[in-house]
């Protein structure tokens, strides 16, 4: 297969000239309301979904009292034994996500 890099205009055969000109005229009339080269955008529903999810999250309590109470009881009874590596990893991740003050 050979690629022709010559992008010069190529003459149309006589039999195709009139039909091509008519088709071009019909296309320009059909698209009279749409400007040539006009931009169009279609927005997805992602923005609305994010807004709805944000509203749901804002309705949740900031402190989960049940969880706090369960942890408090575990600490007071001596049954709470956190894993040092997990705790250190969580602290590092938390500090990495926080912007510098």
PDB file of N, CA and C in Angstrom:
ATOM      1  N   UNK A   1       0.849  -1.175   0.000  1.00  0.00           N
ATOM      2  CA  UNK A   1       0.000   0.000   0.000  1.00  0.00           C
ATOM      3  C   UNK A   1       0.886   1.227   0.000  1.00  0.00           C
ATOM      4  N   UNK A   2       0.565   2.168  -0.836  1.00  0.00           N
ATOM      5  CA  UNK A   2       1.354   3.380  -0.944  1.00  0.00           C
ATOM      6  C   UNK A   2       0.506   4.569  -0.514  1.00  0.00           C
ATOM      7  N   UNK A   3       1.084   5.430   0.316  1.00  0.00           N
ATOM      8  CA  UNK A   3       0.375   6.609   0.800  1.00  0.00           C
ATOM      9  C   UNK A   3       0.782   7.792  -0.053  1.00  0.00           C
ATOM     10  N   UNK A   4      -0.196   8.483  -0.587  1.00  0.00           N
ATOM     11  CA  UNK A   4       0.062   9.656  -1.400  1.00  0.00           C
ATOM     12  C   UNK A   4       0.091  10.873  -0.489  1.00  0.00           C
ATOM     13  N   UNK A   5       1.236  11.522  -0.390  1.00  0.00           N
ATOM     14  CA  UNK A   5       1.357  12.688   0.485  1.00  0.00           C
ATOM     15  C   UNK A   5       1.069  13.985  -0.237  1.00  0.00           C
ATOM     16  N   UNK A   6       0.761  13.914  -1.528  1.00  0.00           N
ATOM     17  CA  UNK A   6       0.415  15.108  -2.294  1.00  0.00           C
ATOM     18  C   UNK A   6      -1.031  15.470  -1.979  1.00  0.00           C
ATOM     19  N   UNK A   7      -1.221  16.559  -1.240  1.00  0.00           N
ATOM     20  CA  UNK A   7      -2.560  16.947  -0.812  1.00  0.00           C
ATOM     21  C   UNK A   7      -3.157  18.025  -1.702  1.00  0.00           C
ATOM     22  N   UNK A   8      -2.622  18.173  -2.898  1.00  0.00           N
ATOM     23  CA  UNK A   8      -3.167  19.159  -3.826  1.00  0.00           C
ATOM     24  C   UNK A   8      -4.570  18.778  -4.239  1.00  0.00           C
ATOM     25  N   UNK A   9      -5.294  19.718  -4.803  1.00  0.00           N
ATOM     26  CA  UNK A   9      -6.663  19.418  -5.219  1.00  0.00           C
ATOM     27  C   UNK A   9      -6.637  18.486  -6.418  1.00  0.00           C
ATOM     28  N   UNK A  10      -7.567  17.607  -6.430  1.00  0.00           N
ATOM     29  CA  UNK A  10      -7.667  16.646  -7.522  1.00  0.00           C
ATOM     30  C   UNK A  10      -8.935  16.961  -8.296  1.00  0.00           C
ATOM     31  N   UNK A  11      -8.831  17.050  -9.615  1.00  0.00           N
ATOM     32  CA  UNK A  11     -10.022  17.401 -10.407  1.00  0.00           C
ATOM     33  C   UNK A  11     -11.055  16.285 -10.358  1.00  0.00           C
ATOM     34  N   UNK A  12     -12.307  16.685 -10.324  1.00  0.00           N
ATOM     35  CA  UNK A  12     -13.405  15.728 -10.362  1.00  0.00           C
ATOM     36  C   UNK A  12     -13.721  15.399 -11.807  1.00  0.00           C
ATOM     37  N   UNK A  13     -14.125  14.189 -12.059  1.00  0.00           N
ATOM     38  CA  UNK A  13     -14.585  13.871 -13.420  1.00  0.00           C
ATOM     39  C   UNK A  13     -15.808  14.713 -13.752  1.00  0.00           C
ATOM     40  N   UNK A  14     -15.963  15.018 -15.019  1.00  0.00           N
ATOM     41  CA  UNK A  14     -17.070  15.880 -15.470  1.00  0.00           C
ATOM     42  C   UNK A  14     -18.425  15.375 -15.000  1.00  0.00           C
ATOM     43  N   UNK A  15     -18.619  14.078 -14.921  1.00  0.00           N
ATOM     44  CA  UNK A  15     -19.927  13.536 -14.575  1.00  0.00           C
ATOM     45  C   UNK A  15     -20.278  13.790 -13.111  1.00  0.00           C
ATOM     46  N   UNK A  16     -19.308  13.975 -12.232  1.00  0.00           N
ATOM     47  CA  UNK A  16     -19.561  14.171 -10.806  1.00  0.00           C
ATOM     48  C   UNK A  16     -19.626  15.636 -10.395  1.00  0.00           C
ATOM     49  N   UNK A  17     -19.202  16.541 -11.254  1.00  0.00           N
ATOM     50  CA  UNK A  17     -19.129  17.955 -10.871  1.00  0.00           C
ATOM     51  C   UNK A  17     -20.486  18.544 -10.534  1.00  0.00           C
ATOM     52  N   UNK A  18     -21.474  18.328 -11.323  1.00  0.00           N
ATOM     53  CA  UNK A  18     -22.765  18.965 -11.080  1.00  0.00           C
ATOM     54  C   UNK A  18     -23.459  18.367  -9.861  1.00  0.00           C
ATOM     55  N   UNK A  19     -23.358  17.072  -9.672  1.00  0.00           N
ATOM     56  CA  UNK A  19     -24.026  16.470  -8.522  1.00  0.00           C
ATOM     57  C   UNK A  19     -23.324  16.845  -7.229  1.00  0.00           C
ATOM     58  N   UNK A  20     -22.003  17.004  -7.260  1.00  0.00           N
ATOM     59  CA  UNK A  20     -21.263  17.395  -6.064  1.00  0.00           C
ATOM     60  C   UNK A  20     -21.604  18.826  -5.683  1.00  0.00           C
ATOM     61  N   UNK A  21     -21.704  19.714  -6.671  1.00  0.00           N
ATOM     62  CA  UNK A  21     -22.041  21.105  -6.388  1.00  0.00           C
ATOM     63  C   UNK A  21     -23.455  21.206  -5.837  1.00  0.00           C
ATOM     64  N   UNK A  22     -24.384  20.420  -6.378  1.00  0.00           N
ATOM     65  CA  UNK A  22     -25.758  20.444  -5.872  1.00  0.00           C
ATOM     66  C   UNK A  22     -25.819  19.925  -4.444  1.00  0.00           C
ATOM     67  N   UNK A  23     -25.082  18.858  -4.160  1.00  0.00           N
ATOM     68  CA  UNK A  23     -25.079  18.290  -2.815  1.00  0.00           C
ATOM     69  C   UNK A  23     -24.499  19.277  -1.821  1.00  0.00           C
ATOM     70  N   UNK A  24     -23.449  20.000  -2.219  1.00  0.00           N
ATOM     71  CA  UNK A  24     -22.841  20.984  -1.329  1.00  0.00           C
ATOM     72  C   UNK A  24     -23.821  22.113  -1.045  1.00  0.00           C
ATOM     73  N   UNK A  25     -24.565  22.535  -2.058  1.00  0.00           N
ATOM     74  CA  UNK A  25     -25.559  23.588  -1.863  1.00  0.00           C
ATOM     75  C   UNK A  25     -26.669  23.145  -0.940  1.00  0.00           C
ATOM     76  N   UNK A  26     -27.102  21.894  -1.059  1.00  0.00           N
ATOM     77  CA  UNK A  26     -28.147  21.380  -0.186  1.00  0.00           C
ATOM     78  C   UNK A  26     -27.654  21.248   1.243  1.00  0.00           C
ATOM     79  N   UNK A  27     -26.396  20.831   1.434  1.00  0.00           N
ATOM     80  CA  UNK A  27     -25.840  20.710   2.784  1.00  0.00           C
ATOM     81  C   UNK A  27     -25.744  22.062   3.459  1.00  0.00           C
ATOM     82  N   UNK A  28     -25.360  23.104   2.699  1.00  0.00           N
ATOM     83  CA  UNK A  28     -25.238  24.418   3.322  1.00  0.00           C
ATOM     84  C   UNK A  28     -26.603  24.980   3.680  1.00  0.00           C
ATOM     85  N   UNK A  29     -27.640  24.655   2.870  1.00  0.00           N
ATOM     86  CA  UNK A  29     -28.987  25.114   3.198  1.00  0.00           C
ATOM     87  C   UNK A  29     -29.547  24.353   4.393  1.00  0.00           C
ATOM     88  N   UNK A  30     -29.271  23.080   4.477  1.00  0.00           N
ATOM     89  CA  UNK A  30     -29.795  22.257   5.566  1.00  0.00           C
ATOM     90  C   UNK A  30     -29.182  22.650   6.894  1.00  0.00           C
ATOM     91  N   UNK A  31     -27.938  23.068   6.868  1.00  0.00           N
ATOM     92  CA  UNK A  31     -27.279  23.426   8.121  1.00  0.00           C
ATOM     93  C   UNK A  31     -27.226  24.933   8.302  1.00  0.00           C
ATOM     94  N   UNK A  32     -28.193  25.641   7.755  1.00  0.00           N
ATOM     95  CA  UNK A  32     -28.211  27.094   7.848  1.00  0.00           C
ATOM     96  C   UNK A  32     -28.317  27.586   9.278  1.00  0.00           C
ATOM     97  N   UNK A  33     -29.006  26.862  10.152  1.00  0.00           N
ATOM     98  CA  UNK A  33     -29.160  27.308  11.534  1.00  0.00           C
ATOM     99  C   UNK A  33     -27.932  26.988  12.362  1.00  0.00           C
ATOM    100  N   UNK A  34     -27.139  26.011  11.974  1.00  0.00           N
ATOM    101  CA  UNK A  34     -25.929  25.654  12.713  1.00  0.00           C
ATOM    102  C   UNK A  34     -24.735  26.321  12.055  1.00  0.00           C
ATOM    103  N   UNK A  35     -24.035  27.129  12.796  1.00  0.00           N
ATOM    104  CA  UNK A  35     -22.869  27.831  12.258  1.00  0.00           C
ATOM    105  C   UNK A  35     -21.758  26.840  11.996  1.00  0.00           C
ATOM    106  N   UNK A  36     -21.008  27.107  10.946  1.00  0.00           N
ATOM    107  CA  UNK A  36     -19.880  26.252  10.600  1.00  0.00           C
ATOM    108  C   UNK A  36     -18.841  26.316  11.709  1.00  0.00           C
ATOM    109  N   UNK A  37     -18.386  25.180  12.179  1.00  0.00           N
ATOM    110  CA  UNK A  37     -17.346  25.153  13.203  1.00  0.00           C
ATOM    111  C   UNK A  37     -17.842  25.496  14.595  1.00  0.00           C
ATOM    112  N   UNK A  38     -19.140  25.458  14.822  1.00  0.00           N
ATOM    113  CA  UNK A  38     -19.645  25.800  16.155  1.00  0.00           C
ATOM    114  C   UNK A  38     -19.353  24.669  17.127  1.00  0.00           C
ATOM    115  N   UNK A  39     -19.116  25.029  18.357  1.00  0.00           N
ATOM    116  CA  UNK A  39     -18.815  24.056  19.398  1.00  0.00           C
ATOM    117  C   UNK A  39     -20.097  23.620  20.083  1.00  0.00           C
ATOM    118  N   UNK A  40     -20.104  22.376  20.503  1.00  0.00           N
ATOM    119  CA  UNK A  40     -21.230  21.854  21.249  1.00  0.00           C
ATOM    120  C   UNK A  40     -20.692  21.129  22.467  1.00  0.00           C
ATOM    121  N   UNK A  41     -21.443  21.160  23.533  1.00  0.00           N
ATOM    122  CA  UNK A  41     -21.043  20.449  24.749  1.00  0.00           C
ATOM    123  C   UNK A  41     -22.241  19.699  25.292  1.00  0.00           C
ATOM    124  N   UNK A  42     -21.965  18.502  25.767  1.00  0.00           N
ATOM    125  CA  UNK A  42     -22.989  17.724  26.441  1.00  0.00           C
ATOM    126  C   UNK A  42     -22.469  17.401  27.825  1.00  0.00           C
ATOM    127  N   UNK A  43     -23.213  17.808  28.822  1.00  0.00           N
ATOM    128  CA  UNK A  43     -22.793  17.581  30.196  1.00  0.00           C
ATOM    129  C   UNK A  43     -23.410  16.293  30.712  1.00  0.00           C
ATOM    130  N   UNK A  44     -22.596  15.549  31.416  1.00  0.00           N
ATOM    131  CA  UNK A  44     -23.104  14.309  31.993  1.00  0.00           C
ATOM    132  C   UNK A  44     -23.831  14.632  33.288  1.00  0.00           C
ATOM    133  N   UNK A  45     -24.448  13.651  33.849  1.00  0.00           N
ATOM    134  CA  UNK A  45     -25.157  13.827  35.111  1.00  0.00           C
ATOM    135  C   UNK A  45     -24.236  13.725  36.312  1.00  0.00           C
ATOM    136  N   UNK A  46     -22.925  13.650  36.091  1.00  0.00           N
ATOM    137  CA  UNK A  46     -21.983  13.476  37.199  1.00  0.00           C
ATOM    138  C   UNK A  46     -22.036  14.648  38.175  1.00  0.00           C
ATOM    139  N   UNK A  47     -22.187  15.850  37.683  1.00  0.00           N
ATOM    140  CA  UNK A  47     -22.240  17.018  38.562  1.00  0.00           C
ATOM    141  C   UNK A  47     -23.424  16.960  39.503  1.00  0.00           C
ATOM    142  N   UNK A  48     -24.569  16.565  38.969  1.00  0.00           N
ATOM    143  CA  UNK A  48     -25.777  16.446  39.798  1.00  0.00           C
ATOM    144  C   UNK A  48     -25.612  15.328  40.821  1.00  0.00           C
ATOM    145  N   UNK A  49     -24.984  14.229  40.404  1.00  0.00           N
ATOM    146  CA  UNK A  49     -24.761  13.121  41.327  1.00  0.00           C
ATOM    147  C   UNK A  49     -23.818  13.536  42.448  1.00  0.00           C
ATOM    148  N   UNK A  50     -22.782  14.274  42.127  1.00  0.00           N
ATOM    149  CA  UNK A  50     -21.839  14.731  43.149  1.00  0.00           C
ATOM    150  C   UNK A  50     -22.531  15.668  44.124  1.00  0.00           C
ATOM    151  N   UNK A  51     -23.361  16.547  43.606  1.00  0.00           N
ATOM    152  CA  UNK A  51     -24.096  17.463  44.472  1.00  0.00           C
ATOM    153  C   UNK A  51     -25.025  16.693  45.412  1.00  0.00           C
ATOM    154  N   UNK A  52     -25.724  15.694  44.886  1.00  0.00           N
ATOM    155  CA  UNK A  52     -26.638  14.906  45.712  1.00  0.00           C
ATOM    156  C   UNK A  52     -25.871  14.120  46.777  1.00  0.00           C
ATOM    157  N   UNK A  53     -24.745  13.525  46.397  1.00  0.00           N
ATOM    158  CA  UNK A  53     -23.942  12.774  47.370  1.00  0.00           C
ATOM    159  C   UNK A  53     -23.357  13.688  48.439  1.00  0.00           C
ATOM    160  N   UNK A  54     -22.933  14.870  48.042  1.00  0.00           N
ATOM    161  CA  UNK A  54     -22.406  15.830  49.008  1.00  0.00           C
ATOM    162  C   UNK A  54     -23.472  16.213  50.021  1.00  0.00           C
ATOM    163  N   UNK A  55     -24.690  16.430  49.550  1.00  0.00           N
ATOM    164  CA  UNK A  55     -25.792  16.770  50.457  1.00  0.00           C
ATOM    165  C   UNK A  55     -26.058  15.628  51.431  1.00  0.00           C
ATOM    166  N   UNK A  56     -25.981  14.380  50.946  1.00  0.00           N
ATOM    167  CA  UNK A  56     -26.193  13.233  51.823  1.00  0.00           C
ATOM    168  C   UNK A  56     -25.097  13.136  52.876  1.00  0.00           C
ATOM    169  N   UNK A  57     -23.857  13.352  52.481  1.00  0.00           N
ATOM    170  CA  UNK A  57     -22.735  13.271  53.423  1.00  0.00           C
ATOM    171  C   UNK A  57     -22.846  14.363  54.479  1.00  0.00           C
ATOM    172  N   UNK A  58     -23.268  15.541  54.074  1.00  0.00           N
ATOM    173  CA  UNK A  58     -23.394  16.649  55.034  1.00  0.00           C
ATOM    174  C   UNK A  58     -24.488  16.393  56.064  1.00  0.00           C
ATOM    175  N   UNK A  59     -25.418  15.503  55.759  1.00  0.00           N
ATOM    176  CA  UNK A  59     -26.470  15.182  56.714  1.00  0.00           C
ATOM    177  C   UNK A  59     -26.026  14.154  57.747  1.00  0.00           C
ATOM    178  N   UNK A  60     -24.924  13.469  57.488  1.00  0.00           N
ATOM    179  CA  UNK A  60     -24.424  12.482  58.446  1.00  0.00           C
ATOM    180  C   UNK A  60     -23.804  13.186  59.644  1.00  0.00           C
ATOM    181  N   UNK A  61     -23.918  12.593  60.816  1.00  0.00           N
ATOM    182  CA  UNK A  61     -23.282  13.214  61.987  1.00  0.00           C
ATOM    183  C   UNK A  61     -21.761  13.153  61.855  1.00  0.00           C
ATOM    184  N   UNK A  62     -21.103  14.202  62.327  1.00  0.00           N
ATOM    185  CA  UNK A  62     -19.651  14.251  62.219  1.00  0.00           C
ATOM    186  C   UNK A  62     -18.991  13.251  63.163  1.00  0.00           C
ATOM    187  N   UNK A  63     -19.583  13.042  64.321  1.00  0.00           N
ATOM    188  CA  UNK A  63     -19.045  12.099  65.297  1.00  0.00           C
ATOM    189  C   UNK A  63     -20.025  10.944  65.423  1.00  0.00           C
ATOM    190  N   UNK A  64     -19.527   9.743  65.232  1.00  0.00           N
ATOM    191  CA  UNK A  64     -20.372   8.552  65.383  1.00  0.00           C
ATOM    192  C   UNK A  64     -20.337   8.134  66.848  1.00  0.00           C
ATOM    193  N   UNK A  65     -21.317   8.572  67.592  1.00  0.00           N
ATOM    194  CA  UNK A  65     -21.340   8.371  69.039  1.00  0.00           C
ATOM    195  C   UNK A  65     -21.305   6.891  69.421  1.00  0.00           C
ATOM    196  N   UNK A  66     -21.965   6.044  68.638  1.00  0.00           N
ATOM    197  CA  UNK A  66     -21.967   4.612  68.963  1.00  0.00           C
ATOM    198  C   UNK A  66     -20.548   4.051  68.898  1.00  0.00           C
ATOM    199  N   UNK A  67     -19.825   4.445  67.868  1.00  0.00           N
ATOM    200  CA  UNK A  67     -18.449   3.957  67.692  1.00  0.00           C
ATOM    201  C   UNK A  67     -17.541   4.502  68.801  1.00  0.00           C
ATOM    202  N   UNK A  68     -17.711   5.759  69.134  1.00  0.00           N
ATOM    203  CA  UNK A  68     -16.910   6.373  70.199  1.00  0.00           C
ATOM    204  C   UNK A  68     -17.164   5.660  71.523  1.00  0.00           C
ATOM    205  N   UNK A  69     -18.420   5.393  71.816  1.00  0.00           N
ATOM    206  CA  UNK A  69     -18.769   4.722  73.075  1.00  0.00           C
ATOM    207  C   UNK A  69     -18.185   3.314  73.121  1.00  0.00           C
ATOM    208  N   UNK A  70     -18.255   2.584  71.995  1.00  0.00           N
ATOM    209  CA  UNK A  70     -17.702   1.225  71.950  1.00  0.00           C
ATOM    210  C   UNK A  70     -16.196   1.237  72.158  1.00  0.00           C
ATOM    211  N   UNK A  71     -15.508   2.187  71.548  1.00  0.00           N
ATOM    212  CA  UNK A  71     -14.058   2.294  71.737  1.00  0.00           C
ATOM    213  C   UNK A  71     -13.719   2.708  73.169  1.00  0.00           C
ATOM    214  N   UNK A  72     -14.491   3.609  73.715  1.00  0.00           N
ATOM    215  CA  UNK A  72     -14.253   4.045  75.104  1.00  0.00           C
ATOM    216  C   UNK A  72     -14.363   2.857  76.058  1.00  0.00           C
ATOM    217  N   UNK A  73     -15.393   2.037  75.874  1.00  0.00           N
ATOM    218  CA  UNK A  73     -15.569   0.864  76.729  1.00  0.00           C
ATOM    219  C   UNK A  73     -14.428  -0.130  76.547  1.00  0.00           C
ATOM    220  N   UNK A  74     -13.961  -0.317  75.291  1.00  0.00           N
ATOM    221  CA  UNK A  74     -12.854  -1.240  75.034  1.00  0.00           C
ATOM    222  C   UNK A  74     -11.573  -0.752  75.696  1.00  0.00           C
ATOM    223  N   UNK A  75     -11.321   0.554  75.655  1.00  0.00           N
ATOM    224  CA  UNK A  75     -10.116   1.116  76.291  1.00  0.00           C
ATOM    225  C   UNK A  75     -10.213   0.962  77.805  1.00  0.00           C
ATOM    226  N   UNK A  76     -11.375   1.293  78.377  1.00  0.00           N
ATOM    227  CA  UNK A  76     -11.541   1.217  79.829  1.00  0.00           C
ATOM    228  C   UNK A  76     -11.438  -0.221  80.342  1.00  0.00           C
ATOM    229  N   UNK A  77     -11.897  -1.166  79.544  1.00  0.00           N
ATOM    230  CA  UNK A  77     -11.830  -2.559  79.983  1.00  0.00           C
ATOM    231  C   UNK A  77     -10.471  -3.196  79.700  1.00  0.00           C
ATOM    232  N   UNK A  78      -9.630  -2.523  78.930  1.00  0.00           N
ATOM    233  CA  UNK A  78      -8.309  -3.052  78.611  1.00  0.00           C
ATOM    234  C   UNK A  78      -8.292  -4.010  77.434  1.00  0.00           C
ATOM    235  N   UNK A  79      -9.407  -4.142  76.745  1.00  0.00           N
ATOM    236  CA  UNK A  79      -9.471  -5.070  75.611  1.00  0.00           C
ATOM    237  C   UNK A  79      -9.101  -4.411  74.282  1.00  0.00           C
ATOM    238  N   UNK A  80      -8.842  -3.120  74.300  1.00  0.00           N
ATOM    239  CA  UNK A  80      -8.478  -2.414  73.065  1.00  0.00           C
ATOM    240  C   UNK A  80      -6.971  -2.494  72.878  1.00  0.00           C
ATOM    241  N   UNK A  81      -6.533  -3.198  71.853  1.00  0.00           N
ATOM    242  CA  UNK A  81      -5.105  -3.324  71.564  1.00  0.00           C
ATOM    243  C   UNK A  81      -4.876  -2.987  70.086  1.00  0.00           C
ATOM    244  N   UNK A  82      -4.651  -1.720  69.803  1.00  0.00           N
ATOM    245  CA  UNK A  82      -4.455  -1.323  68.405  1.00  0.00           C
ATOM    246  C   UNK A  82      -3.110  -1.832  67.872  1.00  0.00           C
ATOM    247  N   UNK A  83      -3.064  -2.122  66.583  1.00  0.00           N
ATOM    248  CA  UNK A  83      -1.842  -2.545  65.925  1.00  0.00           C
ATOM    249  C   UNK A  83      -0.974  -1.306  65.678  1.00  0.00           C
ATOM    250  N   UNK A  84       0.269  -1.329  66.167  1.00  0.00           N
ATOM    251  CA  UNK A  84       1.161  -0.167  66.065  1.00  0.00           C
ATOM    252  C   UNK A  84       1.436   0.196  64.608  1.00  0.00           C
ATOM    253  N   UNK A  85       1.639  -0.798  63.745  1.00  0.00           N
ATOM    254  CA  UNK A  85       1.916  -0.503  62.329  1.00  0.00           C
ATOM    255  C   UNK A  85       0.701   0.140  61.651  1.00  0.00           C
ATOM    256  N   UNK A  86      -0.470  -0.370  61.929  1.00  0.00           N
ATOM    257  CA  UNK A  86      -1.683   0.206  61.336  1.00  0.00           C
ATOM    258  C   UNK A  86      -1.893   1.637  61.800  1.00  0.00           C
ATOM    259  N   UNK A  87      -1.659   1.871  63.091  1.00  0.00           N
ATOM    260  CA  UNK A  87      -1.824   3.214  63.642  1.00  0.00           C
ATOM    261  C   UNK A  87      -0.822   4.175  63.007  1.00  0.00           C
ATOM    262  N   UNK A  88       0.438   3.751  62.904  1.00  0.00           N
ATOM    263  CA  UNK A  88       1.467   4.604  62.301  1.00  0.00           C
ATOM    264  C   UNK A  88       1.141   4.880  60.841  1.00  0.00           C
ATOM    265  N   UNK A  89       0.709   3.864  60.111  1.00  0.00           N
ATOM    266  CA  UNK A  89       0.349   4.050  58.706  1.00  0.00           C
ATOM    267  C   UNK A  89      -0.816   5.005  58.536  1.00  0.00           C
ATOM    268  N   UNK A  90      -1.811   4.889  59.407  1.00  0.00           N
ATOM    269  CA  UNK A  90      -2.964   5.789  59.340  1.00  0.00           C
ATOM    270  C   UNK A  90      -2.550   7.225  59.635  1.00  0.00           C
ATOM    271  N   UNK A  91      -1.645   7.410  60.599  1.00  0.00           N
ATOM    272  CA  UNK A  91      -1.167   8.765  60.913  1.00  0.00           C
ATOM    273  C   UNK A  91      -0.407   9.368  59.743  1.00  0.00           C
ATOM    274  N   UNK A  92       0.459   8.577  59.134  1.00  0.00           N
ATOM    275  CA  UNK A  92       1.238   9.079  57.994  1.00  0.00           C
ATOM    276  C   UNK A  92       0.304   9.435  56.836  1.00  0.00           C
ATOM    277  N   UNK A  93      -0.662   8.574  56.548  1.00  0.00           N
ATOM    278  CA  UNK A  93      -1.617   8.867  55.476  1.00  0.00           C
ATOM    279  C   UNK A  93      -2.420  10.120  55.766  1.00  0.00           C
ATOM    280  N   UNK A  94      -2.841  10.273  57.001  1.00  0.00           N
ATOM    281  CA  UNK A  94      -3.610  11.457  57.375  1.00  0.00           C
ATOM    282  C   UNK A  94      -2.773  12.718  57.206  1.00  0.00           C
ATOM    283  N   UNK A  95      -1.523  12.671  57.648  1.00  0.00           N
ATOM    284  CA  UNK A  95      -0.651  13.857  57.536  1.00  0.00           C
ATOM    285  C   UNK A  95      -0.315  14.142  56.075  1.00  0.00           C
ATOM    286  N   UNK A  96      -0.202  13.117  55.257  1.00  0.00           N
ATOM    287  CA  UNK A  96       0.118  13.323  53.844  1.00  0.00           C
ATOM    288  C   UNK A  96      -1.049  13.975  53.106  1.00  0.00           C
ATOM    289  N   UNK A  97      -2.259  13.722  53.549  1.00  0.00           N
ATOM    290  CA  UNK A  97      -3.431  14.282  52.880  1.00  0.00           C
ATOM    291  C   UNK A  97      -3.749  15.687  53.345  1.00  0.00           C
ATOM    292  N   UNK A  98      -3.230  16.095  54.491  1.00  0.00           N
ATOM    293  CA  UNK A  98      -3.518  17.424  55.038  1.00  0.00           C
ATOM    294  C   UNK A  98      -2.592  18.447  54.392  1.00  0.00           C
ATOM    295  N   UNK A  99      -3.116  19.586  53.965  1.00  0.00           N
ATOM    296  CA  UNK A  99      -2.264  20.646  53.408  1.00  0.00           C
ATOM    297  C   UNK A  99      -1.390  21.251  54.496  1.00  0.00           C
ATOM    298  N   UNK A 100      -0.191  21.685  54.127  1.00  0.00           N
ATOM    299  CA  UNK A 100       0.726  22.290  55.083  1.00  0.00           C
ATOM    300  C   UNK A 100       0.137  23.616  55.582  1.00  0.00           C
ATOM    301  N   UNK A 101       0.265  23.861  56.869  1.00  0.00           N
ATOM    302  CA  UNK A 101      -0.296  25.081  57.453  1.00  0.00           C
ATOM    303  C   UNK A 101       0.655  26.248  57.308  1.00  0.00           C
TER     304      UNK A 101
END
